[in-house]
């Protein structure tokens, strides 16, 4: 069984997340999603907009997702080492913008024999979508 792991904040559930998670699921047999715990969300003031429990609940409602957990660490490295995914999938925005944290995660995936893949398509941003929604108020 090929296990795929996707990790992120996933604050405001939007079409970009749905497409990303569906594409990730198509790459394996089991899709596990880990969401960043609230203290480690570094997206600006009043973020996350939704608590980790709510973000987990929203992801669990998606048919393509098999399991969701809260990652209670600064990076996904401990979760990667525990799950040992065959594939770690990030969105298209991460292919060009590889932060030091992402590079550590990639190294962890490869250390457990896994590989890394990136989904394609239009990039959506929870931060930008929340700004737009709030500016309408």
Protein backbone atom coordinates (compact mmCIF):
# COMPACT_ATOMS: atom_id res chain seq x y z
CA UNK A 1 0.00 0.00 0.00
CA UNK A 2 1.43 3.36 -1.08
CA UNK A 3 1.02 6.04 1.61
CA UNK A 4 0.91 9.68 0.57
CA UNK A 5 1.41 12.45 3.14
CA UNK A 6 0.37 16.05 2.64
CA UNK A 7 1.18 18.68 5.26
CA UNK A 8 0.20 22.32 5.60
CA UNK A 9 -1.78 24.95 7.46
CA UNK A 10 -4.89 24.56 5.28
CA UNK A 11 -6.61 27.46 7.05
CA UNK A 12 -9.53 28.40 4.82
CA UNK A 13 -10.68 25.37 2.82
CA UNK A 14 -10.80 26.39 -0.85
CA UNK A 15 -10.75 24.93 -4.35
CA UNK A 16 -6.94 24.95 -4.43
CA UNK A 17 -6.84 22.66 -1.38
CA UNK A 18 -9.48 20.35 -2.84
CA UNK A 19 -7.60 20.03 -6.15
CA UNK A 20 -4.27 19.57 -4.36
CA UNK A 21 -5.58 16.84 -2.06
CA UNK A 22 -7.41 15.06 -4.90
CA UNK A 23 -4.25 15.08 -7.02
CA UNK A 24 -2.19 13.80 -4.08
CA UNK A 25 -4.63 10.95 -3.45
CA UNK A 26 -4.36 9.91 -7.10
CA UNK A 27 -0.64 9.28 -6.52
CA UNK A 28 -1.17 6.54 -3.93
CA UNK A 29 -3.52 4.27 -2.05
CA UNK A 30 -3.89 6.13 1.24
CA UNK A 31 -3.85 9.89 1.76
CA UNK A 32 -2.85 11.22 5.17
CA UNK A 33 -3.15 14.96 5.81
CA UNK A 34 -1.34 16.66 8.67
CA UNK A 35 -2.35 20.19 9.61
CA UNK A 36 -0.10 22.62 11.43
CA UNK A 37 -1.13 23.14 15.06
CA UNK A 38 -2.30 26.64 15.98
CA UNK A 39 0.86 27.80 17.85
CA UNK A 40 3.02 27.12 14.77
CA UNK A 41 0.86 28.93 12.21
CA UNK A 42 2.93 31.91 11.15
CA UNK A 43 0.62 33.67 8.69
CA UNK A 44 0.11 37.00 10.46
CA UNK A 45 -2.19 38.48 13.09
CA UNK A 46 -5.44 36.68 13.90
CA UNK A 47 -4.28 33.53 12.16
CA UNK A 48 -5.19 30.84 11.90
CA UNK A 49 -8.73 31.92 11.15
CA UNK A 50 -9.88 28.39 11.98
CA UNK A 51 -8.56 26.29 14.85
CA UNK A 52 -6.68 23.08 14.15
CA UNK A 53 -9.72 21.05 15.23
CA UNK A 54 -11.91 22.86 12.69
CA UNK A 55 -9.30 22.50 9.97
CA UNK A 56 -9.09 18.76 10.70
CA UNK A 57 -12.88 18.45 10.59
CA UNK A 58 -13.04 20.17 7.20
CA UNK A 59 -10.36 17.88 5.72
CA UNK A 60 -12.03 14.76 7.13
CA UNK A 61 -15.18 15.70 5.21
CA UNK A 62 -13.35 15.27 1.89
CA UNK A 63 -13.78 11.87 0.23
CA UNK A 64 -10.22 11.81 -1.06
CA UNK A 65 -8.72 12.08 2.45
CA UNK A 66 -8.26 8.86 4.43
CA UNK A 67 -6.82 10.21 7.68
CA UNK A 68 -6.17 13.63 9.19
CA UNK A 69 -4.01 14.56 12.17
CA UNK A 70 -2.68 17.66 13.88
CA UNK A 71 1.08 18.10 13.56
CA UNK A 72 2.17 19.50 16.94
CA UNK A 73 5.70 20.40 15.88
CA UNK A 74 7.37 23.40 14.23
CA UNK A 75 7.89 21.36 11.05
CA UNK A 76 6.47 18.12 9.68
CA UNK A 77 9.77 16.28 10.24
CA UNK A 78 8.65 14.31 13.35
CA UNK A 79 5.39 13.38 11.62
CA UNK A 80 7.25 12.28 8.49
CA UNK A 81 9.61 10.12 10.56
CA UNK A 82 6.66 8.51 12.38
CA UNK A 83 4.46 7.89 9.32
CA UNK A 84 7.28 7.04 6.89
CA UNK A 85 5.29 7.97 3.77
CA UNK A 86 6.14 6.60 0.37
CA UNK A 87 5.39 10.02 -1.07
CA UNK A 88 5.30 13.53 0.42
CA UNK A 89 3.27 15.89 -1.75
CA UNK A 90 3.46 19.67 -1.72
CA UNK A 91 1.62 22.27 -3.79
CA UNK A 92 2.97 24.00 -6.89
CA UNK A 93 3.93 27.11 -4.89
CA UNK A 94 6.52 25.04 -2.99
CA UNK A 95 8.39 23.83 -6.05
CA UNK A 96 10.12 27.18 -6.59
CA UNK A 97 9.97 28.49 -3.01
CA UNK A 98 11.74 25.87 -0.91
CA UNK A 99 12.07 27.23 2.61
CA UNK A 100 14.65 25.82 5.06
CA UNK A 101 11.78 23.99 6.84
CA UNK A 102 10.64 22.38 3.59
CA UNK A 103 14.20 21.33 2.78
CA UNK A 104 14.37 19.60 6.21
CA UNK A 105 11.08 17.84 5.46
CA UNK A 106 12.34 16.67 2.07
CA UNK A 107 15.49 15.32 3.70
CA UNK A 108 13.36 13.48 6.30
CA UNK A 109 11.17 11.91 3.60
CA UNK A 110 14.19 10.70 1.69
CA UNK A 111 15.77 9.36 4.91
CA UNK A 112 12.81 6.97 5.32
CA UNK A 113 12.93 5.86 1.68
CA UNK A 114 10.17 8.13 0.42
CA UNK A 115 10.04 10.58 -2.45
CA UNK A 116 8.65 14.08 -2.97
CA UNK A 117 6.16 15.24 -5.59
CA UNK A 118 4.43 18.52 -6.39
CA UNK A 119 0.91 18.99 -7.64
CA UNK A 120 0.24 21.35 -10.53
CA UNK A 121 -2.37 23.92 -11.34
CA UNK A 122 -3.61 27.32 -10.31
CA UNK A 123 -2.28 28.62 -7.01
CA UNK A 124 -4.82 29.83 -4.48
CA UNK A 125 -3.91 31.49 -1.18
CA UNK A 126 -5.92 31.24 2.03
CA UNK A 127 -4.27 34.45 3.20
CA UNK A 128 -5.31 36.38 0.09
CA UNK A 129 -8.82 34.91 0.12
CA UNK A 130 -9.27 35.86 3.78
CA UNK A 131 -8.08 39.40 3.06
CA UNK A 132 -10.64 39.72 0.28
CA UNK A 133 -13.47 38.36 2.41
CA UNK A 134 -12.58 40.65 5.32
CA UNK A 135 -12.35 43.70 3.07
CA UNK A 136 -15.97 43.14 1.99
CA UNK A 137 -17.15 43.47 5.61
